[in-house]
Amino acid sequence: MTSSPLVIIGAGQSGLAAAKAAELAGLRALVLESGDRPAGSWPSYYDSLTLFSPARYSSFPGTPFPGDPDRYPTRDEVVAYLESYAATLDTEIRLGTRVTAVEQAAQGFIVRTESGDTIHAAAVIAATGSFGRPYVPAIHGRERFGGEVRHVAEYRDPKPYAGKRVVVVGAGNSAVQIAYELAELAHVTLAVRRPVQFVPQLRGGRDTHYWLHTLRLDLLPPSVLSRLIKGTQVLDTGSYRAALDSGDISQRPMFTAYDEAGVSWEGGEREPVDAVLFATGYRPHLPYLEPLGALDPNGLPLHQRGISLTHRGLAYLGVEFQRSFSSNTLRGIHRDAHYVVKRLTPCVSDLMGGAN
């Protein structure tokens, strides 16, 4: 058995931010990543994904995105950025190392990996995000439907859907972006619980993220944010709204059931459909914490602002709206990382005898 003052599970944006925060706090950390690249889930997103925030607002402190700061980086640019950032860290990152369980020890935790390794840790940060647990709501008749049903976690590009009738479920940025590119090759309907709410990408000649930063709205706690913003909002330069207004993409209230050939809409209308793509979000993916008893019955972390409510020395990163509007974003994850590392430091000091 090996030991480490701090084990960070996951080497995506959250895990790398945690590693940097640990370095700045003088803590020796070990990062465990199941994939073969220190980029988390980014390599697995759909091919055309671009950030909704400009490069200048999509980077870690002290490490700006290369190139034009006003462009919107692509998926592959984000992957390259994270890999480059990981190379600057003075922290061990073990790739191809999947954590299967975190267990309570007499002091601290035992972290077990798929390869059979065991690591004793004074503290643990769970930073594996949610991509591994896409959410697809249960809808009546799924077993009878003869078409394709997927979450957008499995979507890569529109070519396989050329000429097909596709329903995209969701009203957020990803749902609208995917529906927009599909509409060039397929007949697309956007199925929504509430109509899409568009927000101008530019206000007063500046990107919306300039105002979020300048007015410090990025720092608002979720309780305040929910009173200011109702529902999901989609950033738009005008192209997405025009596609809906023109009918290139139709928008309808969520269908009520599947049938053999398609879906049934409110009011009983049936429509033949070849494929349904769910852009309905993700849930925290933390199966390795189930033996610890740190999760609620739905598998969600029991925490306050990222600090476990069940186990001293356990913290989380990458939970949506964990502490603010910008939690779980490239531009904001560092703030959460410094917060949780600061609160874990006494746990490490206690168990390591003051030596990190």
Protein backbone atom coordinates (compact mmCIF):
# COMPACT_ATOMS: atom_id res chain seq x y z
CA MET A 1 0.00 0.00 0.00
CA THR A 2 1.22 3.47 -0.90
CA SER A 3 0.15 6.72 0.72
CA SER A 4 -0.50 10.31 -0.25
CA PRO A 5 -1.63 13.32 1.79
CA LEU A 6 -4.26 14.15 -0.85
CA VAL A 7 -5.74 11.96 -3.58
CA ILE A 8 -7.59 13.75 -6.38
CA ILE A 9 -9.84 11.49 -8.44
CA GLY A 10 -10.13 12.76 -12.00
CA ALA A 11 -7.76 14.77 -14.21
CA GLY A 12 -10.25 16.91 -16.08
CA GLN A 13 -10.58 20.63 -15.52
CA SER A 14 -11.69 20.10 -11.91
CA GLY A 15 -8.91 17.69 -11.01
CA LEU A 16 -6.22 19.84 -12.62
CA ALA A 17 -7.51 22.95 -10.83
CA ALA A 18 -7.43 20.99 -7.55
CA ALA A 19 -3.85 19.88 -8.23
CA LYS A 20 -2.79 23.49 -8.78
CA ALA A 21 -4.58 24.63 -5.63
CA ALA A 22 -2.85 21.87 -3.67
CA GLU A 23 0.54 22.94 -5.00
CA LEU A 24 -0.09 26.55 -3.98
CA ALA A 25 -1.16 25.35 -0.52
CA GLY A 26 2.01 23.29 -0.14
CA LEU A 27 0.19 19.96 -0.21
CA ARG A 28 1.56 16.92 -2.01
CA ALA A 29 -1.19 15.40 -4.13
CA LEU A 30 -1.69 12.39 -6.34
CA VAL A 31 -4.13 12.62 -9.27
CA LEU A 32 -5.79 9.41 -10.52
CA GLU A 33 -7.37 9.51 -13.99
CA SER A 34 -9.18 6.60 -15.66
CA GLY A 35 -8.57 7.89 -19.19
CA ASP A 36 -5.39 8.05 -21.20
CA ARG A 37 -5.19 11.85 -21.33
CA PRO A 38 -5.28 14.53 -18.62
CA ALA A 39 -8.34 16.18 -20.14
CA GLY A 40 -11.29 14.52 -18.42
CA SER A 41 -14.41 14.13 -20.56
CA TRP A 42 -13.52 16.82 -23.11
CA PRO A 43 -12.17 14.41 -25.77
CA SER A 44 -15.53 12.57 -25.70
CA TYR A 45 -17.80 15.53 -26.49
CA TYR A 46 -19.35 16.00 -29.94
CA ASP A 47 -17.04 17.09 -32.74
CA SER A 48 -18.43 20.58 -33.37
CA LEU A 49 -18.59 21.66 -29.73
CA THR A 50 -17.37 25.19 -29.15
CA LEU A 51 -17.31 27.04 -25.87
CA PHE A 52 -20.04 29.55 -25.17
CA SER A 53 -17.51 31.89 -23.57
CA PRO A 54 -14.57 33.61 -25.34
CA ALA A 55 -11.03 32.37 -24.78
CA ARG A 56 -10.22 35.28 -22.46
CA TYR A 57 -12.94 34.06 -20.06
CA SER A 58 -12.26 30.34 -20.46
CA SER A 59 -8.88 29.78 -18.88
CA PHE A 60 -7.18 29.16 -15.55
CA PRO A 61 -5.49 32.05 -13.70
CA GLY A 62 -2.04 32.81 -15.06
CA THR A 63 -2.45 30.51 -18.06
CA PRO A 64 -4.43 32.25 -20.81
CA PHE A 65 -5.67 30.40 -23.86
CA PRO A 66 -3.25 30.92 -26.75
CA GLY A 67 -4.40 32.86 -29.79
CA ASP A 68 -7.17 35.41 -30.25
CA PRO A 69 -8.71 36.02 -26.81
CA ASP A 70 -12.07 36.92 -28.35
CA ARG A 71 -12.57 33.66 -30.27
CA TYR A 72 -14.66 30.76 -28.99
CA PRO A 73 -12.36 27.74 -28.48
CA THR A 74 -13.29 24.38 -29.97
CA ARG A 75 -13.41 21.04 -28.17
CA ASP A 76 -10.00 20.02 -29.46
CA GLU A 77 -8.49 23.35 -28.43
CA VAL A 78 -9.77 22.82 -24.91
CA VAL A 79 -8.26 19.32 -24.83
CA ALA A 80 -4.89 20.69 -25.97
CA TYR A 81 -5.12 23.49 -23.40
CA LEU A 82 -5.78 21.09 -20.53
CA GLU A 83 -3.00 18.73 -21.58
CA SER A 84 -0.59 21.65 -21.80
CA TYR A 85 -1.70 22.90 -18.39
CA ALA A 86 -1.25 19.44 -16.86
CA ALA A 87 2.34 19.40 -18.13
CA THR A 88 3.12 22.52 -16.07
CA LEU A 89 2.04 20.94 -12.78
CA ASP A 90 4.51 19.54 -10.31
CA THR A 91 2.05 16.83 -9.34
CA GLU A 92 1.98 13.13 -10.18
CA ILE A 93 -0.87 12.27 -12.55
CA ARG A 94 -1.48 8.54 -13.05
CA LEU A 95 -3.35 7.92 -16.28
CA GLY A 96 -5.28 4.72 -16.99
CA THR A 97 -6.04 4.37 -13.29
CA ARG A 98 -9.71 3.86 -12.51
CA VAL A 99 -10.81 4.21 -8.90
CA THR A 100 -13.30 1.54 -7.87
CA ALA A 101 -13.84 2.37 -4.20
CA VAL A 102 -13.03 4.85 -1.47
CA GLU A 103 -13.31 3.38 2.02
CA GLN A 104 -12.99 4.83 5.49
CA ALA A 105 -9.74 3.95 7.25
CA ALA A 106 -8.84 4.28 10.92
CA GLN A 107 -7.23 7.53 9.82
CA GLY A 108 -8.24 9.03 6.50
CA PHE A 109 -9.28 6.87 3.55
CA ILE A 110 -8.28 3.83 1.51
CA VAL A 111 -8.53 4.39 -2.24
CA ARG A 112 -8.78 1.21 -4.33
CA THR A 113 -8.14 1.02 -8.06
CA GLU A 114 -9.27 -1.35 -10.79
CA SER A 115 -5.72 -2.68 -11.15
CA GLY A 116 -5.67 -3.73 -7.49
CA ASP A 117 -3.59 -0.89 -6.06
CA THR A 118 -4.49 0.56 -2.66
CA ILE A 119 -3.56 4.07 -1.58
CA HIS A 120 -3.91 5.51 1.89
CA ALA A 121 -4.99 9.16 1.74
CA ALA A 122 -5.45 11.73 4.45
CA ALA A 123 -7.96 13.53 2.25
CA VAL A 124 -9.80 12.88 -1.02
CA ILE A 125 -11.25 15.20 -3.65
CA ALA A 126 -13.82 13.58 -5.95
CA ALA A 127 -13.43 15.47 -9.23
CA THR A 128 -14.81 13.05 -11.81
CA GLY A 129 -17.62 15.29 -12.99
CA SER A 130 -20.81 13.91 -14.50
CA PHE A 131 -20.15 12.87 -18.12
CA GLY A 132 -20.15 9.21 -17.12
CA ARG A 133 -23.74 9.48 -15.91
CA PRO A 134 -25.95 11.02 -18.60
CA TYR A 135 -29.55 11.56 -17.59
CA VAL A 136 -32.36 10.23 -19.78
CA PRO A 137 -35.87 10.60 -18.34
CA ALA A 138 -38.13 7.55 -18.35
CA ILE A 139 -40.98 7.99 -20.85
CA HIS A 140 -43.81 5.56 -21.44
CA GLY A 141 -43.48 3.18 -24.39
CA ARG A 142 -39.70 3.20 -24.77
CA GLU A 143 -39.59 -0.60 -25.07
CA ARG A 144 -41.94 -0.50 -28.09
CA PHE A 145 -40.15 2.22 -30.06
CA GLY A 146 -38.28 0.85 -33.05
CA GLY A 147 -36.03 3.85 -33.60
CA GLU A 148 -32.81 5.05 -32.01
CA VAL A 149 -32.73 6.59 -28.53
CA ARG A 150 -29.48 8.13 -27.35
CA HIS A 151 -28.15 10.74 -25.00
CA VAL A 152 -26.01 13.40 -26.66
CA ALA A 153 -23.06 11.99 -24.68
CA GLU A 154 -22.97 9.45 -27.54
CA TYR A 155 -23.47 12.00 -30.33
CA ARG A 156 -20.48 12.99 -32.47
CA ASP A 157 -21.64 14.54 -35.75
CA PRO A 158 -24.80 14.88 -37.89
CA LYS A 159 -23.80 12.62 -40.80
CA PRO A 160 -25.48 9.43 -39.49
CA TYR A 161 -28.79 11.33 -39.31
CA ALA A 162 -28.88 12.65 -42.87
CA GLY A 163 -32.42 12.51 -44.25
CA LYS A 164 -33.86 11.24 -40.97
CA ARG A 165 -36.56 12.60 -38.67
CA VAL A 166 -34.91 13.49 -35.38
CA VAL A 167 -36.29 14.79 -32.10
CA VAL A 168 -33.79 16.57 -29.85
CA VAL A 169 -34.99 16.78 -26.26
CA GLY A 170 -33.81 19.79 -24.26
CA ALA A 171 -33.78 23.58 -24.22
CA GLY A 172 -30.20 24.35 -23.24
CA ASN A 173 -27.13 25.44 -25.19
CA SER A 174 -26.08 21.92 -26.23
CA ALA A 175 -29.58 20.92 -27.33
CA VAL A 176 -29.95 24.00 -29.50
CA GLN A 177 -26.43 23.78 -30.93
CA ILE A 178 -26.88 20.12 -31.90
CA ALA A 179 -30.38 20.69 -33.32
CA TYR A 180 -29.02 23.58 -35.39
CA GLU A 181 -26.27 21.51 -37.03
CA LEU A 182 -28.58 18.52 -37.52
CA ALA A 183 -31.10 20.71 -39.32
CA GLU A 184 -28.73 21.04 -42.28
CA LEU A 185 -29.11 17.31 -43.00
CA ALA A 186 -32.23 16.13 -41.16
CA HIS A 187 -35.77 17.08 -40.24
CA VAL A 188 -35.42 18.27 -36.64
CA THR A 189 -37.90 18.96 -33.87
CA LEU A 190 -36.82 20.38 -30.53
CA ALA A 191 -38.92 18.91 -27.70
CA VAL A 192 -38.97 21.15 -24.62
CA ARG A 193 -40.55 21.42 -21.20
CA ARG A 194 -40.41 25.21 -21.52
CA PRO A 195 -39.79 27.29 -24.65
CA VAL A 196 -36.16 28.07 -25.40
CA GLN A 197 -35.05 31.31 -23.76
CA PHE A 198 -32.49 33.16 -25.86
CA VAL A 199 -29.94 35.58 -24.43
CA PRO A 200 -27.92 37.81 -26.79
CA GLN A 201 -24.30 36.64 -27.04
CA LEU A 202 -23.31 40.30 -27.42
CA ARG A 203 -24.54 43.19 -25.33
CA GLY A 204 -23.28 46.69 -26.00
CA GLY A 205 -20.73 45.26 -28.39
CA ARG A 206 -19.25 42.95 -25.74
CA ASP A 207 -19.74 39.27 -25.07
CA THR A 208 -22.16 38.43 -22.26
CA HIS A 209 -19.27 36.96 -20.28
CA TYR A 210 -17.64 40.38 -20.12
CA TRP A 211 -20.66 41.61 -18.17
CA LEU A 212 -20.77 38.49 -16.00
CA HIS A 213 -17.14 39.16 -15.10
CA THR A 214 -17.39 42.94 -14.76
CA LEU A 215 -20.55 42.88 -12.67
CA ARG A 216 -19.23 39.90 -10.67
CA LEU A 217 -22.33 37.88 -11.47
CA ASP A 218 -20.08 34.83 -11.86
CA LEU A 219 -19.62 34.88 -8.09
CA LEU A 220 -23.29 34.85 -7.17
CA PRO A 221 -24.35 31.91 -5.00
CA PRO A 222 -26.96 29.61 -6.57
CA SER A 223 -29.66 30.77 -4.13
CA VAL A 224 -29.36 34.34 -5.43
CA LEU A 225 -28.91 33.29 -9.05
CA SER A 226 -32.14 31.29 -9.06
CA ARG A 227 -34.08 34.42 -8.15
CA LEU A 228 -32.51 36.41 -10.99
CA ILE A 229 -32.56 33.81 -13.76
CA LYS A 230 -35.60 31.64 -14.37
CA GLY A 231 -34.99 28.47 -16.35
CA THR A 232 -32.23 27.59 -18.80
CA GLN A 233 -30.97 30.31 -21.13
CA VAL A 234 -29.28 29.87 -24.50
CA LEU A 235 -26.62 32.27 -25.74
CA ASP A 236 -27.34 33.29 -29.34
CA THR A 237 -25.86 35.59 -31.98
CA GLY A 238 -29.22 35.44 -33.77
CA SER A 239 -28.69 32.31 -35.87
CA TYR A 240 -30.45 29.91 -33.50
CA ARG A 241 -33.51 32.10 -33.07
CA ALA A 242 -33.71 32.60 -36.83
CA ALA A 243 -33.66 28.82 -37.38
CA LEU A 244 -36.61 28.37 -35.03
CA ASP A 245 -38.51 31.36 -36.43
CA SER A 246 -38.05 30.13 -40.01
CA GLY A 247 -39.16 26.60 -39.19
CA ASP A 248 -35.81 25.02 -40.04
CA ILE A 249 -36.10 23.69 -36.49
CA SER A 250 -39.56 23.20 -35.06
CA GLN A 251 -40.16 23.56 -31.32
CA ARG A 252 -42.88 21.64 -29.52
CA PRO A 253 -43.86 20.84 -25.93
CA MET A 254 -42.30 17.58 -24.77
CA PHE A 255 -43.82 14.42 -26.24
CA THR A 256 -45.82 12.25 -23.86
CA ALA A 257 -44.98 8.74 -25.05
CA TYR A 258 -43.25 6.58 -27.64
CA ASP A 259 -45.05 4.23 -30.00
CA GLU A 260 -43.69 1.67 -32.44
CA ALA A 261 -42.93 4.18 -35.18
CA GLY A 262 -42.34 7.43 -33.35
CA VAL A 263 -43.70 9.64 -30.60
CA SER A 264 -47.04 10.97 -29.37
CA TRP A 265 -47.33 14.69 -28.72
CA GLU A 266 -49.66 16.48 -26.34
CA GLY A 267 -53.20 16.17 -27.61
CA GLY A 268 -52.60 12.70 -29.03
CA GLU A 269 -50.94 13.56 -32.35
CA ARG A 270 -48.54 10.85 -33.47
CA GLU A 271 -45.44 11.53 -35.54
CA PRO A 272 -43.06 9.06 -37.19
CA VAL A 273 -39.54 9.53 -35.83
CA ASP A 274 -36.25 7.81 -36.64
CA ALA A 275 -34.20 8.96 -33.68
CA VAL A 276 -34.53 10.74 -30.33
CA LEU A 277 -31.50 12.50 -28.87
CA PHE A 278 -31.64 13.59 -25.24
CA ALA A 279 -29.71 16.71 -24.29
CA THR A 280 -31.06 16.49 -20.77
CA GLY A 281 -27.91 16.91 -18.76
CA TYR A 282 -25.89 14.71 -16.46
CA ARG A 283 -25.75 13.66 -12.84
CA PRO A 284 -22.61 13.48 -10.66
CA HIS A 285 -20.78 10.23 -11.44
CA LEU A 286 -19.45 8.93 -8.13
CA PRO A 287 -19.96 5.13 -7.97
CA TYR A 288 -16.66 4.68 -6.12
CA LEU A 289 -18.12 6.55 -3.13
CA GLU A 290 -21.07 4.18 -2.67
CA PRO A 291 -19.17 1.91 -0.21
CA LEU A 292 -18.36 4.99 1.87
CA GLY A 293 -21.97 6.03 2.40
CA ALA A 294 -21.27 9.59 1.24
CA LEU A 295 -24.11 9.75 -1.30
CA ASP A 296 -27.87 10.15 -1.03
CA PRO A 297 -30.24 7.44 -2.37
CA ASN A 298 -30.04 9.01 -5.84
CA GLY A 299 -26.26 8.82 -5.93
CA LEU A 300 -25.81 12.55 -5.39
CA PRO A 301 -23.09 13.89 -3.05
CA LEU A 302 -24.13 15.00 0.41
CA HIS A 303 -22.18 18.24 0.63
CA GLN A 304 -22.25 21.92 1.40
CA ARG A 305 -20.31 24.12 -1.02
CA GLY A 306 -18.24 21.09 -2.00
CA ILE A 307 -17.37 19.91 1.51
CA SER A 308 -18.75 16.50 2.48
CA LEU A 309 -21.44 16.48 5.14
CA THR A 310 -20.72 12.84 5.97
CA HIS A 311 -16.94 12.43 6.10
CA ARG A 312 -14.22 14.75 7.32
CA GLY A 313 -11.48 15.02 4.71
CA LEU A 314 -13.74 14.39 1.71
CA ALA A 315 -14.61 17.10 -0.80
CA TYR A 316 -16.07 17.48 -4.28
CA LEU A 317 -15.29 19.52 -7.37
CA GLY A 318 -17.18 19.82 -10.63
CA VAL A 319 -20.70 19.84 -9.20
CA GLU A 320 -22.89 22.24 -11.16
CA PHE A 321 -23.58 25.44 -9.21
CA GLN A 322 -21.49 24.06 -6.36
CA ARG A 323 -20.73 27.52 -4.97
CA SER A 324 -21.56 29.98 -7.74
CA PHE A 325 -22.83 30.50 -11.27
CA SER A 326 -19.34 29.75 -12.64
CA SER A 327 -18.74 26.57 -10.66
CA ASN A 328 -17.85 23.67 -12.97
CA THR A 329 -16.59 26.00 -15.72
CA LEU A 330 -13.08 26.58 -16.98
CA ARG A 331 -13.23 30.19 -15.83
CA GLY A 332 -14.57 29.46 -12.36
CA ILE A 333 -13.42 26.04 -11.20
CA HIS A 334 -10.19 27.42 -9.69
CA ARG A 335 -12.18 29.35 -7.10
CA ASP A 336 -13.94 26.21 -5.92
CA ALA A 337 -10.64 24.32 -5.97
CA HIS A 338 -8.91 26.81 -3.68
CA TYR A 339 -11.93 26.81 -1.38
CA VAL A 340 -12.04 23.03 -0.88
CA VAL A 341 -8.25 22.62 -0.63
CA LYS A 342 -8.12 25.29 2.06
CA ARG A 343 -10.71 23.42 4.09
CA LEU A 344 -9.04 20.06 3.61
CA THR A 345 -5.62 21.32 4.69
CA PRO A 346 -6.30 20.92 8.46
CA CYS A 347 -7.37 17.30 7.85
CA VAL A 348 -4.12 16.59 6.05
CA SER A 349 -2.06 18.32 8.69
CA ASP A 350 -3.75 16.39 11.50
CA LEU A 351 -3.17 12.99 9.93
CA MET A 352 0.27 13.70 8.51
CA GLY A 353 1.64 15.19 11.71
CA GLY A 354 2.02 18.59 10.13
CA ALA A 355 4.22 17.25 7.31
CA ASN A 356 2.84 17.32 3.77
